[in-house]
Amino acid sequence: MDAAEFGKSLPKGLGINLLVKHVDASVGFAKHVLGAESVYDDEDFAFLREPVSGASWILHADHSYSDHRLSGLVRSVQGRGVGAEFRLYGVDPDQAEARAREWGYQILEGTIDKPHGLRECYIFDPDWYLWVPCVPVKD
């Protein structure tokens, strides 16, 4: 599908687009740690979907944004997603944490039951975006 057709096919609602250094590394993280599926990916762009939660998001390689005003800002920071959490409700945090540790990803906080009724963990992806897989605490 060409870019214009893809853009027209997106549903209404919130869209998340993350600028990343290497699309392949971020796709690998999403697939291995978060259980996401790649609907499409190449060296410039990826469209990902997590089948349990139904969440979807887009990745663009830094070089594909070279003429965009945001590109200079993004290249100058180490932790790109500072202050933002990308939560995947319904994704098992224990399994995600185990896979993240297996592949050497940085864990901000290991899996724990929180007072607000969710069991969750905090995992950084290769570009330091913070992902929070979480499920309701079991009684």
N, C-alpha and C. Protein backbone atom coordinates (compact mmCIF):
# COMPACT_ATOMS: atom_id res chain seq x y z
N MET A 1 0.85 -1.18 0.00
CA MET A 1 0.00 0.00 0.00
C MET A 1 0.90 1.24 0.00
N ASP A 2 0.57 2.22 -0.84
CA ASP A 2 1.40 3.41 -0.83
C ASP A 2 1.04 4.30 0.36
N ALA A 3 1.88 5.29 0.64
CA ALA A 3 1.74 6.10 1.84
C ALA A 3 0.40 6.83 1.90
N ALA A 4 -0.04 7.39 0.78
CA ALA A 4 -1.31 8.12 0.78
C ALA A 4 -2.49 7.20 1.08
N GLU A 5 -2.48 6.01 0.52
CA GLU A 5 -3.55 5.03 0.79
C GLU A 5 -3.53 4.60 2.25
N PHE A 6 -2.33 4.38 2.78
CA PHE A 6 -2.21 3.99 4.18
C PHE A 6 -2.81 5.08 5.07
N GLY A 7 -2.43 6.32 4.84
CA GLY A 7 -2.94 7.42 5.65
C GLY A 7 -4.45 7.50 5.64
N LYS A 8 -5.05 7.26 4.49
CA LYS A 8 -6.51 7.30 4.37
C LYS A 8 -7.17 6.12 5.10
N SER A 9 -6.42 5.03 5.31
CA SER A 9 -7.00 3.83 5.91
C SER A 9 -7.02 3.85 7.44
N LEU A 10 -6.34 4.82 8.04
CA LEU A 10 -6.24 4.84 9.51
C LEU A 10 -7.59 5.20 10.13
N PRO A 11 -7.94 4.53 11.23
CA PRO A 11 -9.22 4.82 11.89
C PRO A 11 -9.16 6.14 12.65
N LYS A 12 -10.31 6.67 12.99
CA LYS A 12 -10.38 7.87 13.82
C LYS A 12 -9.88 7.51 15.22
N GLY A 13 -9.40 8.51 15.93
CA GLY A 13 -8.94 8.28 17.30
C GLY A 13 -7.51 8.73 17.48
N LEU A 14 -6.95 8.41 18.62
CA LEU A 14 -5.60 8.80 18.96
C LEU A 14 -4.59 7.99 18.16
N GLY A 15 -3.60 8.67 17.61
CA GLY A 15 -2.51 8.00 16.91
C GLY A 15 -1.20 8.31 17.60
N ILE A 16 -0.36 7.31 17.72
CA ILE A 16 0.95 7.50 18.33
C ILE A 16 2.01 7.23 17.27
N ASN A 17 2.91 8.19 17.09
CA ASN A 17 4.01 8.07 16.16
C ASN A 17 5.29 8.33 16.93
N LEU A 18 6.19 7.37 16.95
CA LEU A 18 7.45 7.51 17.68
C LEU A 18 8.60 7.61 16.69
N LEU A 19 9.46 8.60 16.89
CA LEU A 19 10.68 8.70 16.09
C LEU A 19 11.75 7.86 16.75
N VAL A 20 12.40 7.00 15.97
CA VAL A 20 13.38 6.06 16.51
C VAL A 20 14.66 6.10 15.68
N LYS A 21 15.75 5.71 16.30
CA LYS A 21 17.03 5.68 15.59
C LYS A 21 17.04 4.57 14.54
N HIS A 22 16.57 3.38 14.93
CA HIS A 22 16.60 2.22 14.05
C HIS A 22 15.26 1.49 14.14
N VAL A 23 14.51 1.53 13.06
CA VAL A 23 13.19 0.91 13.05
C VAL A 23 13.29 -0.58 13.38
N ASP A 24 14.28 -1.27 12.82
CA ASP A 24 14.38 -2.71 13.05
C ASP A 24 14.58 -3.04 14.53
N ALA A 25 15.37 -2.26 15.25
CA ALA A 25 15.58 -2.50 16.68
C ALA A 25 14.28 -2.29 17.47
N SER A 26 13.54 -1.24 17.13
CA SER A 26 12.29 -0.96 17.83
C SER A 26 11.21 -1.98 17.49
N VAL A 27 11.19 -2.46 16.25
CA VAL A 27 10.25 -3.52 15.87
C VAL A 27 10.59 -4.79 16.64
N GLY A 28 11.88 -5.11 16.74
CA GLY A 28 12.30 -6.30 17.50
C GLY A 28 11.86 -6.23 18.95
N PHE A 29 12.04 -5.08 19.58
CA PHE A 29 11.59 -4.90 20.96
C PHE A 29 10.08 -5.11 21.06
N ALA A 30 9.33 -4.45 20.19
CA ALA A 30 7.87 -4.53 20.25
C ALA A 30 7.38 -5.96 20.05
N LYS A 31 7.98 -6.67 19.13
CA LYS A 31 7.56 -8.04 18.86
C LYS A 31 7.97 -8.98 19.99
N HIS A 32 9.24 -8.91 20.41
CA HIS A 32 9.75 -9.87 21.39
C HIS A 32 9.25 -9.58 22.80
N VAL A 33 9.29 -8.33 23.23
CA VAL A 33 8.94 -8.00 24.62
C VAL A 33 7.44 -7.78 24.80
N LEU A 34 6.83 -7.03 23.89
CA LEU A 34 5.43 -6.65 24.05
C LEU A 34 4.45 -7.57 23.35
N GLY A 35 4.95 -8.48 22.52
CA GLY A 35 4.08 -9.40 21.80
C GLY A 35 3.35 -8.75 20.64
N ALA A 36 3.86 -7.63 20.15
CA ALA A 36 3.23 -6.92 19.05
C ALA A 36 3.46 -7.65 17.73
N GLU A 37 2.62 -7.33 16.77
CA GLU A 37 2.75 -7.85 15.42
C GLU A 37 3.11 -6.68 14.50
N SER A 38 3.97 -6.93 13.55
CA SER A 38 4.28 -5.92 12.56
C SER A 38 3.29 -6.06 11.41
N VAL A 39 2.47 -5.05 11.22
CA VAL A 39 1.56 -5.02 10.08
C VAL A 39 2.39 -4.69 8.84
N TYR A 40 3.36 -3.79 9.02
CA TYR A 40 4.30 -3.44 7.96
C TYR A 40 5.54 -2.84 8.59
N ASP A 41 6.71 -3.15 8.07
CA ASP A 41 7.91 -2.45 8.49
C ASP A 41 8.97 -2.50 7.39
N ASP A 42 9.73 -1.40 7.33
CA ASP A 42 10.91 -1.33 6.48
C ASP A 42 11.91 -0.44 7.21
N GLU A 43 12.98 -0.01 6.56
CA GLU A 43 14.02 0.75 7.27
C GLU A 43 13.57 2.16 7.65
N ASP A 44 12.48 2.64 7.08
CA ASP A 44 12.00 3.99 7.34
C ASP A 44 10.80 4.07 8.26
N PHE A 45 9.98 3.01 8.28
CA PHE A 45 8.64 3.12 8.84
C PHE A 45 8.15 1.76 9.31
N ALA A 46 7.33 1.76 10.34
CA ALA A 46 6.65 0.52 10.77
C ALA A 46 5.29 0.87 11.34
N PHE A 47 4.36 -0.04 11.13
CA PHE A 47 3.04 0.04 11.75
C PHE A 47 2.88 -1.23 12.57
N LEU A 48 2.71 -1.07 13.88
CA LEU A 48 2.66 -2.19 14.81
C LEU A 48 1.30 -2.28 15.48
N ARG A 49 0.92 -3.50 15.81
CA ARG A 49 -0.33 -3.74 16.52
C ARG A 49 -0.08 -4.81 17.59
N GLU A 50 -0.59 -4.55 18.79
CA GLU A 50 -0.51 -5.51 19.88
C GLU A 50 -1.87 -6.20 19.93
N PRO A 51 -1.93 -7.51 19.64
CA PRO A 51 -3.23 -8.18 19.46
C PRO A 51 -4.09 -8.33 20.72
N VAL A 52 -3.50 -8.42 21.90
CA VAL A 52 -4.29 -8.60 23.12
C VAL A 52 -5.02 -7.30 23.46
N SER A 53 -4.29 -6.21 23.49
CA SER A 53 -4.88 -4.92 23.87
C SER A 53 -5.55 -4.21 22.70
N GLY A 54 -5.13 -4.55 21.49
CA GLY A 54 -5.64 -3.87 20.30
C GLY A 54 -4.94 -2.56 20.01
N ALA A 55 -3.94 -2.21 20.81
CA ALA A 55 -3.20 -0.96 20.61
C ALA A 55 -2.40 -1.03 19.31
N SER A 56 -2.27 0.13 18.67
CA SER A 56 -1.42 0.21 17.49
C SER A 56 -0.63 1.50 17.54
N TRP A 57 0.52 1.51 16.90
CA TRP A 57 1.36 2.69 16.86
C TRP A 57 2.26 2.63 15.64
N ILE A 58 2.82 3.78 15.32
CA ILE A 58 3.68 3.95 14.16
C ILE A 58 5.08 4.31 14.62
N LEU A 59 6.07 3.83 13.89
CA LEU A 59 7.47 4.22 14.09
C LEU A 59 7.97 4.87 12.81
N HIS A 60 8.73 5.92 12.95
CA HIS A 60 9.45 6.52 11.83
C HIS A 60 10.92 6.61 12.21
N ALA A 61 11.79 6.25 11.29
CA ALA A 61 13.23 6.40 11.50
C ALA A 61 13.58 7.88 11.49
N ASP A 62 14.56 8.25 12.30
CA ASP A 62 14.99 9.64 12.36
C ASP A 62 15.24 10.20 10.96
N HIS A 63 15.94 9.40 10.14
CA HIS A 63 16.31 9.92 8.81
C HIS A 63 15.09 10.20 7.93
N SER A 64 13.97 9.55 8.20
CA SER A 64 12.77 9.80 7.40
C SER A 64 12.10 11.12 7.79
N TYR A 65 12.53 11.71 8.92
CA TYR A 65 12.02 12.99 9.39
C TYR A 65 13.07 14.10 9.21
N SER A 66 14.05 13.88 8.35
CA SER A 66 15.18 14.81 8.23
C SER A 66 14.75 16.23 7.87
N ASP A 67 13.64 16.40 7.16
CA ASP A 67 13.17 17.74 6.79
C ASP A 67 12.09 18.26 7.74
N HIS A 68 11.78 17.52 8.79
CA HIS A 68 10.74 17.91 9.75
C HIS A 68 11.39 18.68 10.90
N ARG A 69 10.73 19.69 11.38
CA ARG A 69 11.30 20.53 12.46
C ARG A 69 11.55 19.75 13.75
N LEU A 70 10.81 18.69 13.98
CA LEU A 70 10.97 17.90 15.19
C LEU A 70 12.29 17.13 15.21
N SER A 71 12.85 16.82 14.06
CA SER A 71 14.02 15.94 13.99
C SER A 71 15.22 16.48 14.78
N GLY A 72 15.48 17.78 14.70
CA GLY A 72 16.61 18.34 15.44
C GLY A 72 16.44 18.24 16.94
N LEU A 73 15.21 18.42 17.41
CA LEU A 73 14.95 18.31 18.84
C LEU A 73 15.15 16.89 19.33
N VAL A 74 14.67 15.93 18.57
CA VAL A 74 14.73 14.54 18.99
C VAL A 74 16.18 14.04 19.04
N ARG A 75 16.99 14.43 18.08
CA ARG A 75 18.38 13.97 18.04
C ARG A 75 19.20 14.49 19.20
N SER A 76 18.76 15.58 19.83
CA SER A 76 19.56 16.19 20.89
C SER A 76 19.25 15.65 22.28
N VAL A 77 18.34 14.70 22.41
CA VAL A 77 18.00 14.16 23.72
C VAL A 77 18.29 12.67 23.79
N GLN A 78 18.64 12.20 24.98
CA GLN A 78 18.90 10.77 25.14
C GLN A 78 17.63 10.00 25.41
N GLY A 79 16.83 10.42 26.38
CA GLY A 79 15.59 9.74 26.72
C GLY A 79 14.44 10.41 26.00
N ARG A 80 14.08 9.88 24.87
CA ARG A 80 13.12 10.55 24.00
C ARG A 80 11.73 10.68 24.60
N GLY A 81 11.31 9.72 25.38
CA GLY A 81 9.95 9.74 25.87
C GLY A 81 9.82 10.19 27.31
N VAL A 82 10.76 10.98 27.81
CA VAL A 82 10.75 11.37 29.21
C VAL A 82 9.41 12.02 29.56
N GLY A 83 8.78 11.46 30.57
CA GLY A 83 7.51 11.99 31.05
C GLY A 83 6.29 11.32 30.45
N ALA A 84 6.50 10.44 29.48
CA ALA A 84 5.37 9.73 28.85
C ALA A 84 5.49 8.24 29.14
N GLU A 85 4.35 7.62 29.36
CA GLU A 85 4.28 6.16 29.52
C GLU A 85 3.34 5.64 28.45
N PHE A 86 3.74 4.57 27.78
CA PHE A 86 2.88 3.92 26.81
C PHE A 86 2.38 2.64 27.46
N ARG A 87 1.12 2.65 27.88
CA ARG A 87 0.54 1.55 28.64
C ARG A 87 -0.19 0.59 27.72
N LEU A 88 0.07 -0.70 27.91
CA LEU A 88 -0.61 -1.75 27.16
C LEU A 88 -1.44 -2.57 28.13
N TYR A 89 -2.70 -2.19 28.27
CA TYR A 89 -3.61 -2.88 29.17
C TYR A 89 -3.93 -4.26 28.61
N GLY A 90 -3.80 -5.27 29.46
CA GLY A 90 -4.08 -6.63 29.03
C GLY A 90 -2.84 -7.41 28.61
N VAL A 91 -1.68 -6.78 28.62
CA VAL A 91 -0.43 -7.47 28.27
C VAL A 91 0.26 -7.88 29.56
N ASP A 92 0.55 -9.17 29.70
CA ASP A 92 1.11 -9.73 30.94
C ASP A 92 2.47 -9.10 31.26
N PRO A 93 2.57 -8.37 32.37
CA PRO A 93 3.83 -7.72 32.71
C PRO A 93 4.93 -8.70 33.14
N ASP A 94 4.54 -9.79 33.78
CA ASP A 94 5.55 -10.77 34.19
C ASP A 94 6.25 -11.37 32.97
N GLN A 95 5.47 -11.73 31.96
CA GLN A 95 6.05 -12.30 30.74
C GLN A 95 6.87 -11.26 29.99
N ALA A 96 6.35 -10.03 29.89
CA ALA A 96 7.08 -8.97 29.20
C ALA A 96 8.41 -8.67 29.90
N GLU A 97 8.38 -8.62 31.23
CA GLU A 97 9.61 -8.36 31.98
C GLU A 97 10.62 -9.47 31.76
N ALA A 98 10.18 -10.72 31.80
CA ALA A 98 11.10 -11.85 31.59
C ALA A 98 11.75 -11.76 30.21
N ARG A 99 10.96 -11.47 29.19
CA ARG A 99 11.51 -11.35 27.83
C ARG A 99 12.45 -10.16 27.72
N ALA A 100 12.10 -9.05 28.37
CA ALA A 100 12.97 -7.86 28.33
C ALA A 100 14.31 -8.16 29.00
N ARG A 101 14.28 -8.83 30.14
CA ARG A 101 15.54 -9.17 30.82
C ARG A 101 16.36 -10.14 29.97
N GLU A 102 15.70 -11.09 29.34
CA GLU A 102 16.38 -12.06 28.48
C GLU A 102 17.16 -11.35 27.37
N TRP A 103 16.61 -10.28 26.84
CA TRP A 103 17.24 -9.58 25.72
C TRP A 103 18.04 -8.36 26.17
N GLY A 104 18.13 -8.13 27.48
CA GLY A 104 18.98 -7.07 28.00
C GLY A 104 18.41 -5.67 27.94
N TYR A 105 17.09 -5.54 27.89
CA TYR A 105 16.48 -4.22 27.90
C TYR A 105 16.46 -3.67 29.31
N GLN A 106 16.52 -2.36 29.44
CA GLN A 106 16.55 -1.69 30.73
C GLN A 106 15.16 -1.70 31.37
N ILE A 107 15.10 -2.14 32.62
CA ILE A 107 13.86 -2.16 33.40
C ILE A 107 13.91 -1.00 34.38
N LEU A 108 12.94 -0.11 34.32
CA LEU A 108 12.88 0.98 35.29
C LEU A 108 12.33 0.48 36.61
N GLU A 109 11.26 -0.34 36.54
CA GLU A 109 10.67 -0.95 37.73
C GLU A 109 10.13 -2.31 37.35
N GLY A 110 10.52 -3.32 38.12
CA GLY A 110 10.06 -4.67 37.86
C GLY A 110 8.57 -4.83 38.17
N THR A 111 8.05 -5.96 37.78
CA THR A 111 6.62 -6.23 37.94
C THR A 111 6.21 -6.19 39.40
N ILE A 112 5.12 -5.48 39.66
CA ILE A 112 4.63 -5.30 41.02
C ILE A 112 3.14 -5.00 40.97
N ASP A 113 2.43 -5.42 42.03
CA ASP A 113 1.02 -5.07 42.18
C ASP A 113 0.95 -3.65 42.74
N LYS A 114 0.21 -2.79 42.08
CA LYS A 114 0.11 -1.39 42.50
C LYS A 114 -1.22 -1.16 43.23
N PRO A 115 -1.27 -0.16 44.10
CA PRO A 115 -2.49 0.12 44.86
C PRO A 115 -3.70 0.47 43.99
N HIS A 116 -3.46 0.91 42.76
CA HIS A 116 -4.58 1.28 41.89
C HIS A 116 -5.17 0.07 41.15
N GLY A 117 -4.76 -1.14 41.56
CA GLY A 117 -5.40 -2.35 41.06
C GLY A 117 -4.78 -2.97 39.82
N LEU A 118 -3.61 -2.49 39.42
CA LEU A 118 -2.93 -3.07 38.26
C LEU A 118 -1.60 -3.70 38.65
N ARG A 119 -1.30 -4.80 37.99
CA ARG A 119 0.02 -5.42 38.09
C ARG A 119 0.77 -4.95 36.86
N GLU A 120 1.92 -4.30 37.06
CA GLU A 120 2.59 -3.66 35.94
C GLU A 120 4.11 -3.64 36.11
N CYS A 121 4.80 -3.41 35.01
CA CYS A 121 6.24 -3.18 35.05
C CYS A 121 6.56 -2.08 34.05
N TYR A 122 7.75 -1.50 34.18
CA TYR A 122 8.17 -0.36 33.37
C TYR A 122 9.44 -0.74 32.63
N ILE A 123 9.36 -0.75 31.29
CA ILE A 123 10.46 -1.23 30.45
C ILE A 123 10.81 -0.17 29.41
N PHE A 124 12.11 0.16 29.30
CA PHE A 124 12.57 1.08 28.27
C PHE A 124 12.87 0.32 26.98
N ASP A 125 12.45 0.90 25.84
CA ASP A 125 12.81 0.33 24.55
C ASP A 125 14.17 0.89 24.11
N PRO A 126 14.67 0.53 22.93
CA PRO A 126 16.01 0.97 22.52
C PRO A 126 16.18 2.50 22.45
N ASP A 127 15.10 3.24 22.27
CA ASP A 127 15.19 4.70 22.21
C ASP A 127 14.75 5.36 23.51
N TRP A 128 14.61 4.59 24.56
CA TRP A 128 14.26 5.05 25.89
C TRP A 128 12.82 5.56 25.99
N TYR A 129 11.93 5.02 25.16
CA TYR A 129 10.51 5.22 25.38
C TYR A 129 10.10 4.22 26.45
N LEU A 130 9.22 4.61 27.34
CA LEU A 130 8.84 3.78 28.48
C LEU A 130 7.52 3.07 28.20
N TRP A 131 7.56 1.74 28.22
CA TRP A 131 6.39 0.90 27.98
C TRP A 131 5.95 0.24 29.27
N VAL A 132 4.64 0.21 29.51
CA VAL A 132 4.08 -0.35 30.75
C VAL A 132 3.03 -1.39 30.43
N PRO A 133 3.44 -2.65 30.29
CA PRO A 133 2.44 -3.71 30.16
C PRO A 133 1.77 -3.90 31.52
N CYS A 134 0.44 -4.09 31.51
CA CYS A 134 -0.24 -4.21 32.79
C CYS A 134 -1.55 -4.99 32.66
N VAL A 135 -1.90 -5.64 33.76
CA VAL A 135 -3.14 -6.42 33.86
C VAL A 135 -3.73 -6.13 35.24
N PRO A 136 -5.04 -6.40 35.41
CA PRO A 136 -5.62 -6.23 36.74
C PRO A 136 -4.99 -7.19 37.74
N VAL A 137 -4.85 -6.72 38.98
CA VAL A 137 -4.32 -7.56 40.06
C VAL A 137 -5.33 -8.69 40.31
N LYS A 138 -4.82 -9.91 40.44
CA LYS A 138 -5.69 -11.05 40.73
C LYS A 138 -6.07 -11.03 42.19
N ASP A 139 -7.31 -11.40 42.47
CA ASP A 139 -7.78 -11.46 43.87
C ASP A 139 -7.17 -12.62 44.60
